[in-house]
Amino acid sequence: MGRRLDAPVLAGERHRARSRRDDLRVPLAALRIAGVVVIVLAISAASIAGITAWRLSHELASRAVDLGGRAAPAALSGGFDVLIVGVDNAPGQSSWGAARQATMNDVDIVVHIAADHRSGVVLSIPRDLVIDQPACPDPRSKQVAAAVQQMPLNTAFSRGGLGCVARTVAHLTGLTIPYAAQFSFQGTVAMADAVGGVPVCVDHAIHDPYSGLDLPAGRSVITGRTALAYLRNRHGVGDGSDLARISSQQAYMSALMRKMTSSSTLTSPQRLYALASTAATAVTLSTSMARIDTLVSMLLAVKGIPTSQMVFVQFPTEPDPANPNKVVPAAALASALLHRVQTDQPVRLAASTRGYSTTVKAPRSTPSAAPRSTQGSSAAPSGPAPTASPKRAGSALSGLNGQTAAQQTCSRSSSG
């Protein structure tokens, strides 16, 4: 697959977009929350009975897509892998940014649940990862796109739709991927609103004219367009690269998962209904996945996993020597990570490795200060961040960027 075996791991270095136009075009990186949304869809489906569940099932089935010969097991048991894809320039998304010449898979996430249902990995694969891609049959046109070499991952969708992305990711990771979900961009705002806002943190104030993000230092609860701006913000965090933005999105996903699996969410029929309705209109599932019983089975597998054992991690990369704006697999570290995922071994992160984020510190006591309030943002509840120490055996993989769902982290401002 053209992986370099001798270059050092330099994840995130020199990988920067060069044009202002790319910033004005809303990146679909915001949809990296999609793996959490699938879990929410399952939770909602399991909690809503009768006609509501029927309507949800009908809506999902009516928009399901065939992956092109990638049959799913007759019954969901043991471990499983779900591919989450966010597409750019999809129908109905023209109002979110400048149009591209082709629809591209700008967000690619693999959610892997171990067979013992005691751990999981949410693997974010950079859109600009240059890899070999296999031949892809298009289930609609019945034509086959020839295999290609050394192409960015985000070109796979234009070669054969969701099924081609699944084949390409399976080729890269060595995983069998029978389930997939494709998300529209508009659902990002609606999902943040439906859950009642997502708590996030930045170590220094961010005022980014490109994304429109305006957040104070510290913790805030974000909704609507503010959540969208936070997820698409690139210039305001880390080194200004898309890889730095992934770290913020992982912090968001972790907070979203904690919020969605909290008792306040699971015991609220109104919130569950809002989540189910939003998810049903924001996601297109593969035909293998567009069933209530399948989603409920996924829920049962996921809900018992401790947040300390749900790991969000970036696919290991290094700069592409042929193009500093692209990345290639960091062969040794990627192989070590994928071996653990393939064999259901726990993925451990080194204690000091959090990408472009930092751990949340207990806030100072300021009882006389009024909470800052802006449109789409409000002060988050204060309190020390909970910590969780993994108890399962296995050494940490040094060099990975990511965090667990139990960790509360702050995005690192580029001005900090």
Protein backbone atom coordinates (compact mmCIF):
# COMPACT_ATOMS: atom_id res chain seq x y z
CA MET A 1 0.00 0.00 0.00
CA GLY A 2 2.98 2.27 -0.39
CA ARG A 3 3.64 2.64 3.33
CA ARG A 4 7.05 4.03 4.30
CA LEU A 5 8.87 1.81 6.75
CA ASP A 6 11.84 4.03 7.61
CA ALA A 7 10.43 7.51 8.24
CA PRO A 8 9.85 8.74 11.82
CA VAL A 9 6.38 9.22 13.19
CA LEU A 10 5.58 12.92 12.86
CA ALA A 11 1.80 12.93 13.09
CA GLY A 12 0.34 16.33 12.33
CA GLU A 13 3.56 18.11 11.28
CA ARG A 14 3.52 20.24 8.13
CA HIS A 15 0.04 19.05 7.21
CA ARG A 16 -1.75 22.34 6.55
CA ALA A 17 -4.21 23.59 3.97
CA ARG A 18 -2.86 26.50 1.95
CA SER A 19 -5.87 28.44 0.70
CA ARG A 20 -8.49 30.62 2.36
CA ARG A 21 -11.04 29.09 0.02
CA ASP A 22 -10.61 25.71 1.72
CA ASP A 23 -11.49 27.34 5.03
CA LEU A 24 -14.61 28.99 3.61
CA ARG A 25 -15.76 25.62 2.37
CA VAL A 26 -17.27 24.04 5.46
CA PRO A 27 -15.29 20.86 6.19
CA LEU A 28 -17.17 17.74 6.99
CA ALA A 29 -14.76 17.03 9.81
CA ALA A 30 -17.58 18.13 12.10
CA LEU A 31 -19.24 14.84 11.38
CA ARG A 32 -16.66 12.90 13.34
CA ILE A 33 -19.28 12.78 16.04
CA ALA A 34 -21.16 10.35 13.84
CA GLY A 35 -19.95 7.24 15.64
CA VAL A 36 -21.56 8.50 18.83
CA VAL A 37 -24.74 9.36 16.93
CA VAL A 38 -25.11 5.72 15.83
CA ILE A 39 -25.05 4.68 19.48
CA VAL A 40 -27.64 7.34 20.29
CA LEU A 41 -29.84 6.06 17.48
CA ALA A 42 -29.72 2.61 19.02
CA ILE A 43 -30.46 3.94 22.50
CA SER A 44 -33.41 5.91 21.19
CA ALA A 45 -34.74 2.99 19.19
CA ALA A 46 -34.60 0.74 22.23
CA SER A 47 -36.43 3.27 24.40
CA ILE A 48 -39.30 4.26 22.13
CA ALA A 49 -42.11 1.80 21.56
CA GLY A 50 -45.04 1.26 19.21
CA ILE A 51 -45.74 3.65 16.36
CA THR A 52 -42.67 5.78 17.08
CA ALA A 53 -40.33 2.82 16.63
CA TRP A 54 -42.19 1.78 13.47
CA ARG A 55 -41.86 5.25 11.98
CA LEU A 56 -38.18 5.34 12.83
CA SER A 57 -37.60 1.92 11.27
CA HIS A 58 -39.53 2.90 8.14
CA GLU A 59 -37.53 6.10 7.75
CA LEU A 60 -34.22 4.28 8.09
CA ALA A 61 -35.15 1.51 5.66
CA SER A 62 -36.49 3.91 3.04
CA ARG A 63 -33.11 5.64 2.76
CA ALA A 64 -30.80 2.64 3.23
CA VAL A 65 -28.08 1.96 0.66
CA ASP A 66 -26.47 -1.27 -0.55
CA LEU A 67 -22.74 -1.60 0.11
CA GLY A 68 -22.33 -3.75 -2.97
CA GLY A 69 -22.02 -7.37 -1.99
CA ARG A 70 -20.71 -6.81 1.53
CA ALA A 71 -23.22 -9.03 3.33
CA ALA A 72 -23.69 -8.66 7.08
CA PRO A 73 -24.02 -11.59 9.50
CA ALA A 74 -27.56 -12.94 9.87
CA ALA A 75 -27.39 -12.20 13.60
CA LEU A 76 -25.20 -9.70 15.38
CA SER A 77 -23.01 -11.43 17.92
CA GLY A 78 -19.53 -10.95 19.31
CA GLY A 79 -17.52 -8.04 18.01
CA PHE A 80 -18.35 -5.83 15.04
CA ASP A 81 -17.08 -2.89 13.02
CA VAL A 82 -19.11 0.07 11.79
CA LEU A 83 -17.83 2.58 9.25
CA ILE A 84 -19.04 6.15 9.70
CA VAL A 85 -18.74 8.44 6.67
CA GLY A 86 -19.46 12.15 6.35
CA VAL A 87 -19.69 13.34 2.76
CA ASP A 88 -18.96 16.78 1.36
CA ASN A 89 -20.90 18.36 -1.51
CA ALA A 90 -23.81 15.98 -0.94
CA PRO A 91 -27.31 16.89 -2.22
CA GLY A 92 -28.90 19.51 0.00
CA GLN A 93 -25.61 20.71 1.48
CA SER A 94 -24.88 23.55 -0.95
CA SER A 95 -25.77 26.19 1.64
CA TRP A 96 -22.92 25.06 3.90
CA GLY A 97 -20.03 26.12 1.69
CA ALA A 98 -18.60 26.36 -1.80
CA ALA A 99 -19.46 23.45 -4.08
CA ARG A 100 -16.86 20.92 -5.12
CA GLN A 101 -16.71 19.11 -8.43
CA ALA A 102 -17.41 15.73 -6.82
CA THR A 103 -18.87 14.31 -3.64
CA MET A 104 -16.05 13.35 -1.28
CA ASN A 105 -15.82 11.36 1.93
CA ASP A 106 -14.21 13.98 4.14
CA VAL A 107 -14.91 12.09 7.37
CA ASP A 108 -14.01 8.44 7.86
CA ILE A 109 -14.35 6.74 11.25
CA VAL A 110 -14.27 3.07 12.19
CA VAL A 111 -16.08 2.10 15.40
CA HIS A 112 -14.69 -1.26 16.56
CA ILE A 113 -16.39 -3.14 19.40
CA ALA A 114 -14.40 -6.04 20.86
CA ALA A 115 -15.97 -9.49 20.96
CA ASP A 116 -16.08 -9.52 24.75
CA HIS A 117 -17.90 -6.17 24.77
CA ARG A 118 -15.44 -4.81 27.32
CA SER A 119 -13.59 -2.34 25.09
CA GLY A 120 -13.97 -0.32 21.93
CA VAL A 121 -11.89 1.82 19.57
CA VAL A 122 -13.13 4.81 17.60
CA LEU A 123 -10.53 5.24 14.84
CA SER A 124 -10.45 8.57 12.96
CA ILE A 125 -8.76 8.26 9.57
CA PRO A 126 -7.55 11.57 8.06
CA ARG A 127 -9.27 12.61 4.86
CA ASP A 128 -5.92 13.43 3.17
CA LEU A 129 -4.33 10.05 3.88
CA VAL A 130 -2.68 8.88 0.63
CA ILE A 131 -3.14 5.12 0.17
CA ASP A 132 -3.83 2.47 -2.44
CA GLN A 133 -7.53 1.85 -3.12
CA PRO A 134 -9.11 -1.40 -4.40
CA ALA A 135 -11.48 -1.86 -7.32
CA CYS A 136 -15.02 -0.82 -6.44
CA PRO A 137 -18.31 -1.99 -7.99
CA ASP A 138 -21.01 0.68 -7.98
CA PRO A 139 -24.27 -1.02 -6.82
CA ARG A 140 -26.36 1.49 -8.79
CA SER A 141 -24.57 1.72 -12.12
CA LYS A 142 -23.18 -1.86 -11.90
CA GLN A 143 -19.89 -0.52 -13.27
CA VAL A 144 -16.57 -1.25 -11.62
CA ALA A 145 -14.06 1.46 -10.82
CA ALA A 146 -10.53 0.17 -11.34
CA ALA A 147 -8.09 -0.03 -8.45
CA VAL A 148 -5.89 3.04 -7.99
CA GLN A 149 -2.59 3.69 -6.25
CA GLN A 150 -1.52 6.48 -3.92
CA MET A 151 -4.75 8.45 -3.85
CA PRO A 152 -6.20 10.50 -0.95
CA LEU A 153 -8.81 8.60 1.03
CA ASN A 154 -11.44 11.28 0.45
CA THR A 155 -11.65 10.36 -3.25
CA ALA A 156 -13.12 6.92 -2.53
CA PHE A 157 -16.76 7.99 -2.39
CA SER A 158 -16.61 9.50 -5.88
CA ARG A 159 -15.32 6.14 -7.17
CA GLY A 160 -18.28 4.06 -5.98
CA GLY A 161 -20.26 5.54 -3.13
CA LEU A 162 -20.45 4.31 0.45
CA GLY A 163 -19.54 0.75 -0.55
CA CYS A 164 -16.26 1.92 -2.10
CA VAL A 165 -15.32 3.77 1.06
CA ALA A 166 -16.05 0.59 3.05
CA ARG A 167 -13.87 -1.48 0.72
CA THR A 168 -11.05 1.07 0.86
CA VAL A 169 -11.08 1.31 4.65
CA ALA A 170 -11.25 -2.48 4.95
CA HIS A 171 -8.27 -2.72 2.58
CA LEU A 172 -6.33 -0.26 4.74
CA THR A 173 -7.22 -1.66 8.17
CA GLY A 174 -7.60 -5.39 7.51
CA LEU A 175 -11.01 -5.31 9.21
CA THR A 176 -14.25 -6.78 7.89
CA ILE A 177 -16.74 -3.92 7.65
CA PRO A 178 -20.30 -5.11 6.98
CA TYR A 179 -22.00 -2.05 8.49
CA ALA A 180 -21.77 1.57 7.40
CA ALA A 181 -23.52 4.88 7.97
CA GLN A 182 -23.42 8.05 5.89
CA PHE A 183 -24.20 11.40 7.51
CA SER A 184 -25.43 14.68 6.11
CA PHE A 185 -23.85 17.87 7.39
CA GLN A 186 -26.98 19.58 8.68
CA GLY A 187 -27.50 16.94 11.35
CA THR A 188 -24.48 18.16 13.32
CA VAL A 189 -26.27 21.30 14.52
CA ALA A 190 -29.52 19.44 15.20
CA MET A 191 -27.78 16.71 17.22
CA ALA A 192 -26.01 19.20 19.48
CA ASP A 193 -29.36 20.89 20.11
CA ALA A 194 -31.23 17.62 20.67
CA VAL A 195 -28.88 16.49 23.43
CA GLY A 196 -29.19 19.84 25.18
CA GLY A 197 -25.69 21.09 24.36
CA VAL A 198 -22.22 19.55 24.61
CA PRO A 199 -19.64 20.65 27.21
CA VAL A 200 -16.27 21.60 25.73
CA CYS A 201 -13.15 23.38 26.94
CA VAL A 202 -10.40 25.54 25.41
CA ASP A 203 -7.22 26.48 27.25
CA HIS A 204 -7.22 30.02 25.83
CA ALA A 205 -9.95 32.11 24.23
CA ILE A 206 -10.48 31.41 20.52
CA HIS A 207 -11.71 34.08 18.10
CA ASP A 208 -11.47 32.53 14.65
CA PRO A 209 -12.86 34.53 11.69
CA TYR A 210 -12.58 31.55 9.35
CA SER A 211 -14.95 29.24 11.23
CA GLY A 212 -16.75 31.97 13.16
CA LEU A 213 -15.84 30.39 16.50
CA ASP A 214 -15.87 32.77 19.47
CA LEU A 215 -15.28 30.97 22.77
CA PRO A 216 -13.87 32.17 26.10
CA ALA A 217 -11.09 30.34 27.86
CA GLY A 218 -12.32 27.50 30.06
CA ARG A 219 -15.46 25.43 29.81
CA SER A 220 -18.63 26.16 27.85
CA VAL A 221 -21.72 24.24 26.78
CA ILE A 222 -22.15 24.69 23.05
CA THR A 223 -25.17 24.19 20.83
CA GLY A 224 -26.26 24.95 17.27
CA ARG A 225 -23.95 26.95 15.07
CA THR A 226 -21.42 27.38 17.87
CA ALA A 227 -21.02 23.60 18.04
CA LEU A 228 -20.59 23.55 14.27
CA ALA A 229 -17.95 26.30 14.41
CA TYR A 230 -16.08 24.46 17.17
CA LEU A 231 -15.98 21.25 15.13
CA ARG A 232 -14.88 22.94 11.92
CA ASN A 233 -12.37 25.27 13.55
CA ARG A 234 -8.81 24.61 12.37
CA HIS A 235 -6.85 27.86 12.53
CA GLY A 236 -7.63 28.36 16.20
CA VAL A 237 -6.28 25.05 17.54
CA GLY A 238 -2.95 23.26 17.68
CA ASP A 239 -0.75 23.81 14.64
CA GLY A 240 -3.66 24.83 12.43
CA SER A 241 -3.85 21.49 10.61
CA ASP A 242 -6.73 19.09 10.03
CA LEU A 243 -4.96 16.64 12.33
CA ALA A 244 -5.05 19.20 15.13
CA ARG A 245 -8.76 19.64 14.53
CA ILE A 246 -9.27 15.90 15.03
CA SER A 247 -8.09 16.25 18.63
CA SER A 248 -10.80 18.84 19.33
CA GLN A 249 -13.37 16.62 17.69
CA GLN A 250 -12.32 13.67 19.82
CA ALA A 251 -12.77 15.81 22.93
CA TYR A 252 -16.23 16.71 21.62
CA MET A 253 -17.12 13.10 20.87
CA SER A 254 -16.01 11.99 24.31
CA ALA A 255 -18.12 14.67 25.98
CA LEU A 256 -21.06 13.81 23.73
CA MET A 257 -20.83 10.13 24.61
CA ARG A 258 -20.75 10.91 28.32
CA LYS A 259 -23.75 13.20 27.91
CA MET A 260 -25.76 10.70 25.88
CA THR A 261 -25.14 7.80 28.22
CA SER A 262 -25.89 9.83 31.35
CA SER A 263 -29.00 9.09 33.39
CA SER A 264 -30.40 12.54 32.62
CA THR A 265 -30.52 11.64 28.94
CA LEU A 266 -31.54 7.99 29.17
CA THR A 267 -34.44 8.71 31.55
CA SER A 268 -35.87 11.61 29.53
CA PRO A 269 -38.49 10.47 26.95
CA GLN A 270 -38.50 13.94 25.39
CA ARG A 271 -34.75 13.99 24.89
CA LEU A 272 -34.69 10.42 23.59
CA TYR A 273 -37.43 11.20 21.10
CA ALA A 274 -35.57 14.32 19.93
CA LEU A 275 -32.38 12.30 19.49
CA ALA A 276 -34.16 9.53 17.60
CA SER A 277 -35.92 11.96 15.28
CA THR A 278 -32.73 13.89 14.59
CA ALA A 279 -30.66 10.77 13.95
CA ALA A 280 -33.30 9.31 11.63
CA THR A 281 -33.19 12.36 9.39
CA ALA A 282 -29.41 12.87 9.54
CA VAL A 283 -28.15 9.39 8.75
CA THR A 284 -28.31 7.00 5.81
CA LEU A 285 -27.53 3.44 6.86
CA SER A 286 -26.35 0.47 4.85
CA THR A 287 -29.12 -2.06 4.21
CA SER A 288 -27.26 -4.41 6.59
CA MET A 289 -27.70 -1.94 9.42
CA ALA A 290 -31.08 -0.29 8.80
CA ARG A 291 -33.02 -2.47 11.23
CA ILE A 292 -34.21 -1.68 14.71
CA ASP A 293 -33.15 -5.10 16.06
CA THR A 294 -29.63 -4.63 14.67
CA LEU A 295 -29.35 -1.20 16.25
CA VAL A 296 -30.63 -2.48 19.57
CA SER A 297 -28.10 -5.33 19.46
CA MET A 298 -25.37 -2.76 18.91
CA LEU A 299 -26.68 -0.80 21.89
CA LEU A 300 -26.55 -3.86 24.12
CA ALA A 301 -22.94 -4.43 23.08
CA VAL A 302 -21.89 -0.83 23.66
CA LYS A 303 -23.75 0.35 26.73
CA GLY A 304 -21.79 -1.81 29.18
CA ILE A 305 -18.34 -0.72 28.00
CA PRO A 306 -16.66 1.49 30.63
CA THR A 307 -15.83 4.95 29.29
CA SER A 308 -12.20 4.32 30.28
CA GLN A 309 -12.14 1.43 27.79
CA MET A 310 -13.65 3.37 24.86
CA VAL A 311 -10.61 4.88 23.12
CA PHE A 312 -10.74 7.63 20.49
CA VAL A 313 -7.56 7.55 18.41
CA GLN A 314 -6.15 9.04 15.22
CA PHE A 315 -4.80 6.73 12.55
CA PRO A 316 -1.00 7.13 12.77
CA THR A 317 0.40 9.25 9.96
CA GLU A 318 3.47 11.14 8.83
CA PRO A 319 3.91 13.82 6.16
CA ASP A 320 3.76 12.72 2.55
CA PRO A 321 7.23 13.38 1.10
CA ALA A 322 5.60 14.12 -2.26
CA ASN A 323 3.13 16.69 -0.89
CA PRO A 324 3.38 18.46 2.49
CA ASN A 325 -0.39 19.02 2.47
CA LYS A 326 -1.05 15.26 2.51
CA VAL A 327 -0.12 12.44 4.87
CA VAL A 328 0.82 8.78 4.51
CA PRO A 329 0.57 5.91 7.04
CA ALA A 330 3.25 5.78 9.71
CA ALA A 331 3.86 2.14 8.91
CA ALA A 332 5.27 0.71 12.14
CA LEU A 333 2.88 2.44 14.54
CA ALA A 334 -0.12 1.91 12.26
CA SER A 335 0.66 -1.81 12.03
CA ALA A 336 0.95 -2.09 15.82
CA LEU A 337 -2.35 -0.28 16.35
CA LEU A 338 -4.23 -2.26 13.72
CA HIS A 339 -2.90 -5.56 15.09
CA ARG A 340 -4.39 -4.74 18.46
CA VAL A 341 -7.72 -3.76 16.93
CA GLN A 342 -7.84 -6.85 14.70
CA THR A 343 -7.08 -9.18 17.61
CA ASP A 344 -9.30 -7.39 20.17
CA GLN A 345 -6.40 -6.41 22.35
CA PRO A 346 -6.94 -3.26 24.42
CA VAL A 347 -5.56 -0.08 22.87
CA ARG A 348 -3.71 1.93 25.50
CA LEU A 349 -2.52 5.49 25.12
CA ALA A 350 0.65 6.79 26.74
CA ALA A 351 -0.24 8.99 29.72
CA SER A 352 1.30 12.09 28.12
CA THR A 353 -0.23 11.61 24.66
CA ARG A 354 -3.33 13.68 23.95
CA GLY A 355 -2.64 15.16 20.53
CA TYR A 356 -3.41 18.87 20.61
CA SER A 357 -5.48 18.72 23.80
CA THR A 358 -4.66 19.05 27.46
CA THR A 359 -6.35 17.59 30.54
CA VAL A 360 -9.01 19.64 32.26
CA LYS A 361 -7.97 21.20 35.54
CA ALA A 362 -10.36 21.88 38.41
CA PRO A 363 -11.78 25.39 37.87
CA ARG A 364 -11.05 28.23 40.26
CA SER A 365 -13.87 29.19 42.57
CA THR A 366 -15.47 32.43 41.35
CA PRO A 367 -18.88 32.63 43.04
CA SER A 368 -19.36 36.32 42.32
CA ALA A 369 -18.69 36.06 38.61
CA ALA A 370 -21.69 35.80 36.32
CA PRO A 371 -21.47 33.03 33.71
CA ARG A 372 -20.66 34.22 30.21
CA SER A 373 -23.56 33.73 27.84
CA THR A 374 -23.50 34.02 24.05
CA GLN A 375 -25.73 32.72 21.31
CA GLY A 376 -25.23 28.97 21.09
CA SER A 377 -22.90 28.90 24.10
CA SER A 378 -23.33 28.89 27.86
CA ALA A 379 -21.17 28.29 30.86
CA ALA A 380 -20.63 24.61 31.58
CA PRO A 381 -21.20 23.08 34.99
CA SER A 382 -18.08 23.36 37.10
CA GLY A 383 -16.37 20.62 39.02
CA PRO A 384 -13.22 18.55 38.84
CA ALA A 385 -12.79 16.25 35.89
CA PRO A 386 -13.30 12.59 36.67
CA THR A 387 -10.32 10.37 36.02
CA ALA A 388 -10.32 6.70 35.16
CA SER A 389 -7.33 4.39 35.17
CA PRO A 390 -7.51 1.48 32.73
CA LYS A 391 -7.47 -1.85 34.54
CA ARG A 392 -6.95 -4.20 31.63
CA ALA A 393 -3.53 -5.63 30.84
CA GLY A 394 -1.50 -4.34 27.92
CA SER A 395 1.27 -1.80 27.38
CA ALA A 396 0.60 1.66 26.00
CA LEU A 397 1.36 2.44 22.36
CA SER A 398 3.63 5.47 22.44
CA GLY A 399 3.08 8.03 19.71
CA LEU A 400 -0.67 7.71 19.29
CA ASN A 401 -2.89 10.79 19.45
CA GLY A 402 -6.22 10.42 21.19
CA GLN A 403 -8.04 10.03 24.47
CA THR A 404 -10.56 7.82 26.22
CA ALA A 405 -14.22 8.68 26.63
CA ALA A 406 -13.57 9.03 30.37
CA GLN A 407 -11.06 11.84 29.92
CA GLN A 408 -12.17 15.45 29.94
CA THR A 409 -9.76 17.50 27.84
CA CYS A 410 -9.36 21.08 26.65
CA SER A 411 -8.59 21.99 23.06
CA ARG A 412 -5.23 23.67 22.87
CA SER A 413 -5.52 27.10 21.30
CA SER A 414 -2.97 27.98 18.62
CA SER A 415 -2.39 31.24 20.49
CA GLY A 416 -1.77 29.49 23.80
